Protein backbone atom coordinates (compact mmCIF):
# COMPACT_ATOMS: atom_id res chain seq x y z
CA MET A 1 7.24 -164.21 -2.27
CA LEU A 2 10.25 -164.85 0.04
CA PRO A 3 13.24 -166.86 -1.20
CA ALA A 4 13.63 -170.51 -0.09
CA TYR A 5 16.83 -170.61 1.88
CA ILE A 6 18.68 -173.71 3.06
CA PRO A 7 17.31 -174.55 6.68
CA SER A 8 19.77 -175.67 9.36
CA PRO A 9 18.83 -178.82 11.17
CA ASP A 10 16.70 -178.20 14.28
CA ARG A 11 19.30 -179.94 16.44
CA GLY A 12 22.57 -181.54 16.29
CA VAL A 13 22.24 -184.04 19.08
CA TRP A 14 19.59 -186.84 19.58
CA HIS A 15 19.25 -188.87 22.80
CA ILE A 16 18.59 -192.67 23.06
CA GLY A 17 17.83 -192.65 26.75
CA PRO A 18 20.91 -191.19 28.47
CA ILE A 19 23.08 -191.79 25.39
CA PRO A 20 23.75 -188.78 23.10
CA LEU A 21 24.05 -189.25 19.35
CA ARG A 22 25.96 -186.41 18.01
CA ALA A 23 25.77 -185.62 14.41
CA TYR A 24 29.24 -184.06 14.23
CA ALA A 25 30.82 -187.31 15.59
CA LEU A 26 28.73 -189.42 13.33
CA CYS A 27 29.99 -187.33 10.22
CA ILE A 28 33.54 -187.80 11.36
CA ILE A 29 33.18 -191.51 11.76
CA ALA A 30 31.45 -191.87 8.37
CA GLY A 31 34.30 -189.90 6.73
CA ILE A 32 36.89 -192.03 8.32
CA ALA A 33 35.15 -195.14 7.11
CA VAL A 34 34.98 -193.83 3.45
CA ALA A 35 38.69 -192.85 3.52
CA LEU A 36 39.75 -196.30 4.86
CA TRP A 37 37.57 -198.17 2.27
CA TRP A 38 38.78 -196.07 -0.70
CA GLY A 39 42.36 -195.94 0.51
CA GLU A 40 42.44 -199.70 0.85
CA ARG A 41 41.33 -200.15 -2.68
CA ARG A 42 43.89 -197.67 -4.08
CA LEU A 43 46.82 -199.08 -1.91
CA VAL A 44 46.08 -202.66 -3.23
CA ALA A 45 46.07 -201.40 -6.68
CA ARG A 46 49.62 -199.95 -6.07
CA GLY A 47 50.90 -203.24 -4.76
CA GLY A 48 50.03 -203.10 -1.12
CA ARG A 49 48.48 -205.94 0.89
CA ALA A 50 44.83 -205.98 1.82
CA GLY A 51 44.35 -204.84 5.44
CA THR A 52 47.29 -202.54 5.47
CA VAL A 53 45.24 -199.35 5.50
CA LEU A 54 43.40 -200.43 8.62
CA ASP A 55 46.63 -201.39 10.24
CA VAL A 56 48.12 -197.96 9.59
CA ALA A 57 44.91 -196.26 10.59
CA VAL A 58 45.14 -197.73 14.02
CA TRP A 59 48.04 -195.31 14.57
CA ALA A 60 47.07 -192.52 12.12
CA VAL A 61 43.48 -191.76 13.20
CA PRO A 62 44.08 -191.37 16.91
CA PHE A 63 47.13 -189.20 16.18
CA GLY A 64 45.12 -187.23 13.63
CA LEU A 65 42.33 -186.63 16.01
CA LEU A 66 44.70 -185.52 18.75
CA GLY A 67 46.49 -183.21 16.46
CA GLY A 68 43.31 -181.67 15.03
CA ARG A 69 42.10 -180.91 18.52
CA LEU A 70 45.43 -179.47 19.69
CA TYR A 71 45.54 -177.15 16.64
CA HIS A 72 42.02 -175.98 17.26
CA VAL A 73 42.73 -175.34 20.94
CA ALA A 74 45.93 -173.58 20.16
CA THR A 75 44.47 -171.28 17.56
CA ASP A 76 41.28 -170.56 19.60
CA TRP A 77 42.88 -170.59 22.96
CA HIS A 78 40.96 -167.57 24.20
CA VAL A 79 37.66 -169.65 23.99
CA TYR A 80 39.09 -172.01 26.63
CA PHE A 81 41.74 -170.14 28.49
CA GLY A 82 40.78 -166.55 28.09
CA PRO A 83 38.42 -164.43 30.26
CA GLY A 84 35.28 -166.38 31.04
CA GLY A 85 36.69 -169.42 29.27
CA ASP A 86 36.23 -173.12 30.34
CA PRO A 87 39.53 -174.94 30.24
CA TRP A 88 37.78 -178.32 30.65
CA ALA A 89 35.83 -177.70 27.41
CA ALA A 90 39.08 -178.05 25.57
CA LEU A 91 38.75 -181.88 26.00
CA ALA A 92 35.18 -181.80 24.70
CA ILE A 93 35.94 -182.90 21.13
CA TRP A 94 32.40 -184.21 20.77
CA ASN A 95 31.17 -180.63 20.65
CA GLY A 96 33.26 -179.87 17.43
CA GLY A 97 36.61 -178.28 16.90
CA LEU A 98 39.19 -180.13 14.75
CA GLY A 99 41.76 -178.22 12.86
CA ILE A 100 42.67 -179.92 9.61
CA TRP A 101 46.38 -178.68 9.75
CA GLY A 102 47.09 -180.35 13.17
CA ALA A 103 45.23 -183.42 12.09
CA ILE A 104 47.19 -183.86 8.96
CA ALA A 105 50.49 -183.07 10.69
CA LEU A 106 50.14 -185.32 13.69
CA GLY A 107 48.19 -187.91 11.62
CA ALA A 108 51.25 -188.14 9.30
CA VAL A 109 53.39 -188.99 12.31
CA GLY A 110 50.96 -191.82 13.25
CA ALA A 111 50.88 -192.86 9.54
CA TRP A 112 54.72 -192.92 9.50
CA ILE A 113 54.79 -195.23 12.59
CA GLY A 114 52.12 -197.53 10.94
CA CYS A 115 53.89 -197.67 7.60
CA ARG A 116 57.13 -198.62 9.15
CA ARG A 117 55.51 -201.45 10.97
CA ALA A 118 53.66 -202.59 7.81
CA GLY A 119 56.70 -202.21 5.46
CA VAL A 120 55.03 -199.49 3.28
CA PRO A 121 56.72 -196.25 2.04
CA LEU A 122 54.98 -193.33 3.69
CA PRO A 123 54.72 -191.31 0.28
CA LEU A 124 53.10 -194.29 -1.44
CA PHE A 125 50.66 -194.68 1.36
CA ALA A 126 49.84 -190.96 1.24
CA ASP A 127 49.16 -191.12 -2.48
CA ALA A 128 46.82 -194.01 -1.97
CA VAL A 129 44.73 -192.30 0.74
CA ALA A 130 44.80 -188.78 -0.62
CA PRO A 131 41.39 -188.55 -2.41
CA GLY A 132 39.71 -190.51 0.49
CA ILE A 133 41.07 -187.95 2.96
CA VAL A 134 39.56 -185.02 1.27
CA VAL A 135 36.14 -186.79 0.78
CA ALA A 136 36.26 -187.57 4.46
CA GLN A 137 36.75 -183.78 5.04
CA ALA A 138 33.75 -183.10 2.89
CA ILE A 139 31.59 -185.50 4.90
CA GLY A 140 32.95 -184.11 8.13
CA ARG A 141 31.66 -180.55 6.93
CA LEU A 142 28.16 -181.86 7.20
CA GLY A 143 28.73 -181.99 10.98
CA ASN A 144 29.30 -178.19 10.85
CA TRP A 145 25.79 -177.84 9.40
CA PHE A 146 24.26 -179.70 12.27
CA ASN A 147 26.30 -177.60 14.80
CA GLN A 148 25.30 -174.35 13.00
CA GLU A 149 28.92 -173.36 12.76
CA LEU A 150 31.56 -172.25 10.29
CA TYR A 151 29.37 -169.90 8.22
CA GLY A 152 30.02 -166.56 6.61
CA GLY A 153 28.26 -163.11 6.61
CA PRO A 154 24.71 -162.24 5.78
CA THR A 155 23.39 -162.90 2.28
CA THR A 156 20.21 -162.81 0.20
CA LEU A 157 21.37 -165.49 -2.24
CA PRO A 158 18.99 -168.33 -2.71
CA TRP A 159 21.41 -170.75 -1.16
CA GLY A 160 21.79 -168.74 2.01
CA LEU A 161 21.80 -170.82 5.25
CA GLU A 162 19.07 -170.07 7.91
CA ILE A 163 20.44 -169.94 11.48
CA TYR A 164 18.16 -170.61 14.40
CA ARG A 165 18.30 -169.97 18.07
CA ARG A 166 18.58 -173.21 20.00
CA VAL A 167 17.54 -173.68 23.55
CA ASP A 168 17.57 -176.58 26.13
CA PRO A 169 14.06 -177.91 26.28
CA GLY A 170 14.45 -178.69 29.94
CA THR A 171 15.77 -175.35 31.13
CA GLY A 172 14.77 -172.94 28.36
CA LEU A 173 18.46 -171.67 28.41
CA GLU A 174 20.26 -171.03 25.18
CA ASP A 175 22.32 -174.08 23.99
CA PRO A 176 23.72 -173.71 20.49
CA LEU A 177 25.17 -177.21 20.33
CA GLY A 178 22.86 -179.44 22.43
CA GLY A 179 19.59 -177.43 22.19
CA VAL A 180 16.61 -177.48 19.87
CA ALA A 181 15.76 -174.77 17.39
CA THR A 182 12.89 -172.38 18.33
CA GLY A 183 10.98 -169.87 16.29
CA SER A 184 12.01 -168.49 12.91
CA ALA A 185 15.44 -167.98 11.49
CA ILE A 186 17.47 -165.21 13.33
CA ALA A 187 19.96 -164.72 10.29
CA VAL A 188 20.56 -165.94 6.70
CA VAL A 189 24.24 -166.41 6.02
CA HIS A 190 26.71 -167.77 3.51
CA PRO A 191 27.10 -171.62 4.04
CA THR A 192 30.86 -171.58 3.94
CA PHE A 193 30.93 -175.12 5.17
CA LEU A 194 29.01 -176.13 2.08
CA TYR A 195 31.33 -174.22 -0.19
CA GLU A 196 34.24 -176.16 1.26
CA LEU A 197 32.33 -179.41 1.09
CA LEU A 198 31.80 -178.99 -2.64
CA TRP A 199 35.26 -177.71 -3.20
CA ASN A 200 36.65 -180.81 -1.45
CA LEU A 201 34.65 -183.19 -3.63
CA LEU A 202 36.09 -181.27 -6.71
CA VAL A 203 39.64 -181.66 -5.34
CA ALA A 204 39.13 -185.38 -4.84
CA ALA A 205 38.09 -185.73 -8.56
CA VAL A 206 41.15 -183.73 -9.61
CA VAL A 207 43.41 -185.93 -7.65
CA VAL A 208 41.94 -189.12 -9.19
CA VAL A 209 42.14 -187.73 -12.76
CA ALA A 210 45.65 -186.44 -12.42
CA ASP A 211 46.73 -189.55 -10.82
CA ARG A 212 45.41 -191.71 -13.71
CA ARG A 213 46.62 -189.29 -16.35
CA PHE A 214 50.22 -188.66 -15.04
CA ARG A 215 50.70 -191.87 -12.81
CA LEU A 216 51.62 -189.78 -9.83
CA GLY A 217 53.77 -191.36 -7.22
CA HIS A 218 56.35 -190.53 -4.49
CA GLY A 219 53.77 -188.43 -2.67
CA ARG A 220 52.88 -186.27 -5.61
CA ALA A 221 49.13 -187.20 -5.50
CA PHE A 222 49.00 -186.22 -1.91
CA ALA A 223 50.69 -182.91 -2.81
CA VAL A 224 48.01 -182.25 -5.44
CA TYR A 225 45.40 -182.79 -2.72
CA VAL A 226 47.15 -180.49 -0.30
CA ALA A 227 47.65 -177.77 -3.05
CA GLY A 228 44.05 -178.05 -4.13
CA TYR A 229 42.56 -177.99 -0.68
CA THR A 230 44.58 -175.12 0.55
CA LEU A 231 43.80 -173.02 -2.50
CA GLY A 232 40.08 -173.23 -1.88
CA ARG A 233 40.47 -172.91 1.90
CA PHE A 234 42.32 -169.68 1.45
CA PHE A 235 39.38 -167.93 -0.27
CA ILE A 236 36.59 -169.72 1.78
CA GLU A 237 38.37 -168.76 5.06
CA LEU A 238 38.23 -165.03 3.96
CA MET A 239 34.35 -165.36 3.83
CA ARG A 240 34.07 -166.77 7.35
CA THR A 241 32.76 -164.46 10.28
CA ASP A 242 33.13 -166.79 13.18
CA PRO A 243 35.68 -165.73 15.85
CA ALA A 244 39.17 -166.77 15.03
CA THR A 245 42.80 -165.99 16.01
CA THR A 246 44.23 -163.37 13.77
CA VAL A 247 47.82 -162.52 12.88
CA PHE A 248 49.48 -159.51 11.02
CA GLY A 249 46.72 -157.30 12.30
CA ASP A 250 43.30 -158.78 11.45
CA VAL A 251 44.30 -161.68 9.03
CA ARG A 252 42.74 -164.99 10.08
CA ILE A 253 45.59 -167.38 10.91
CA ASN A 254 44.10 -170.09 8.74
CA VAL A 255 44.37 -167.80 5.73
CA VAL A 256 48.12 -167.47 6.44
CA VAL A 257 48.57 -171.15 6.99
CA SER A 258 46.64 -172.02 3.77
CA ALA A 259 48.96 -169.84 1.78
CA VAL A 260 52.10 -171.21 3.41
CA VAL A 261 51.13 -174.85 2.98
CA PHE A 262 49.94 -174.33 -0.62
CA LEU A 263 53.34 -172.95 -1.62
CA GLY A 264 55.08 -175.90 0.10
CA ALA A 265 52.89 -178.42 -1.73
CA VAL A 266 53.51 -176.74 -5.15
CA VAL A 267 57.41 -176.75 -4.44
CA TYR A 268 57.05 -180.56 -3.56
CA LEU A 269 55.27 -181.19 -6.77
CA VAL A 270 58.08 -179.62 -8.74
CA VAL A 271 61.02 -181.26 -6.98
CA ALA A 272 59.57 -184.81 -6.15
CA PRO A 273 60.59 -187.70 -8.40
CA LYS A 274 58.33 -188.12 -11.35
CA GLY A 275 56.47 -191.39 -12.19
CA ARG A 276 55.16 -193.98 -9.82
CA GLU A 277 57.09 -196.45 -7.66
CA ASP A 278 57.35 -200.07 -8.35
CA PHE A 279 56.09 -201.72 -5.27
CA HIS A 280 54.98 -205.05 -4.06
CA GLN A 281 54.38 -205.45 -0.25
CA PRO A 282 55.43 -208.92 0.89
CA ASP A 283 53.06 -211.06 2.81
CA PRO A 284 54.58 -211.67 6.32
CA GLU A 285 52.81 -214.97 6.58
CA ALA A 286 54.04 -216.47 3.22
CA GLU A 287 56.83 -218.97 3.64
CA PRO A 288 60.15 -217.89 2.14
CA ALA A 289 61.05 -219.60 -1.17
CA ASP A 290 63.43 -222.50 -0.99
CA PRO A 291 66.66 -221.49 -2.86
CA ALA A 292 67.11 -225.06 -3.97
CA GLU A 293 63.80 -224.93 -5.85
CA SER A 294 64.48 -221.60 -7.65
CA PRO A 295 65.00 -221.79 -11.46
CA GLY A 296 68.54 -222.24 -12.59
CA ARG A 297 69.83 -224.04 -9.45
CA GLU A 298 70.26 -227.76 -8.96
CA GLY A 299 69.20 -229.50 -5.90
CA GLY A 300 71.93 -230.55 -3.49
């Protein structure tokens, strides 16, 4: 009896008339929605004002998407600008390809702008949204399942992932992203996207437990997220077999970046101030108190 492996979806795109519904994009949107909802609850619990997370997200999300795409294109430049590459495809973010490092780096710039406008310290905001961000990453990994990407080498383990050949129904030409699966599986591989998904959920739980136990503040909850995520990503990245830019010979660049960022997060955890900030975000629509009515003062 053959083992029951995990099947890949037969397609990653559905069409409603001329409008394509892309699973990858839907997963990214769902992840962002969860991060906003959870981040809002956590920020309010820390003294923030309701609606602030959405105000900051107006800056952070576009910056993050841009940063994620720029990192992906920079580290896989040969796909777009090498021999036989398509430079215009670098703009096709809907086909997948977001680098988390670029998303976090440039997203932090957008968050800093939004936090300054909202009157919220960036480290406090980062602590509030940290577990929601890593859960959003987990949800986003489901998009890789629909796209049949980011998997590892062959395996016979029962949770191996079946990969299918996809073709355009109209032309019969091979189309890995927009096509429909045909025939039986052509390979059974390690579902490294699933390993990362499960690891991300574990990291989110660790952040929440550590935050409650040690009352993390001053960006230290965010540092726990970064350290935890990069620790798992280091080993999962070693299992992947998809083409990637390499450094120092044949080391995948994301392995090196994971190690460097992990060390940076650990150092920050050690040197950052302990405890949690006392913070109360003022309501800009509230009328200032009349000094004459404050306790201990006589009216004029």
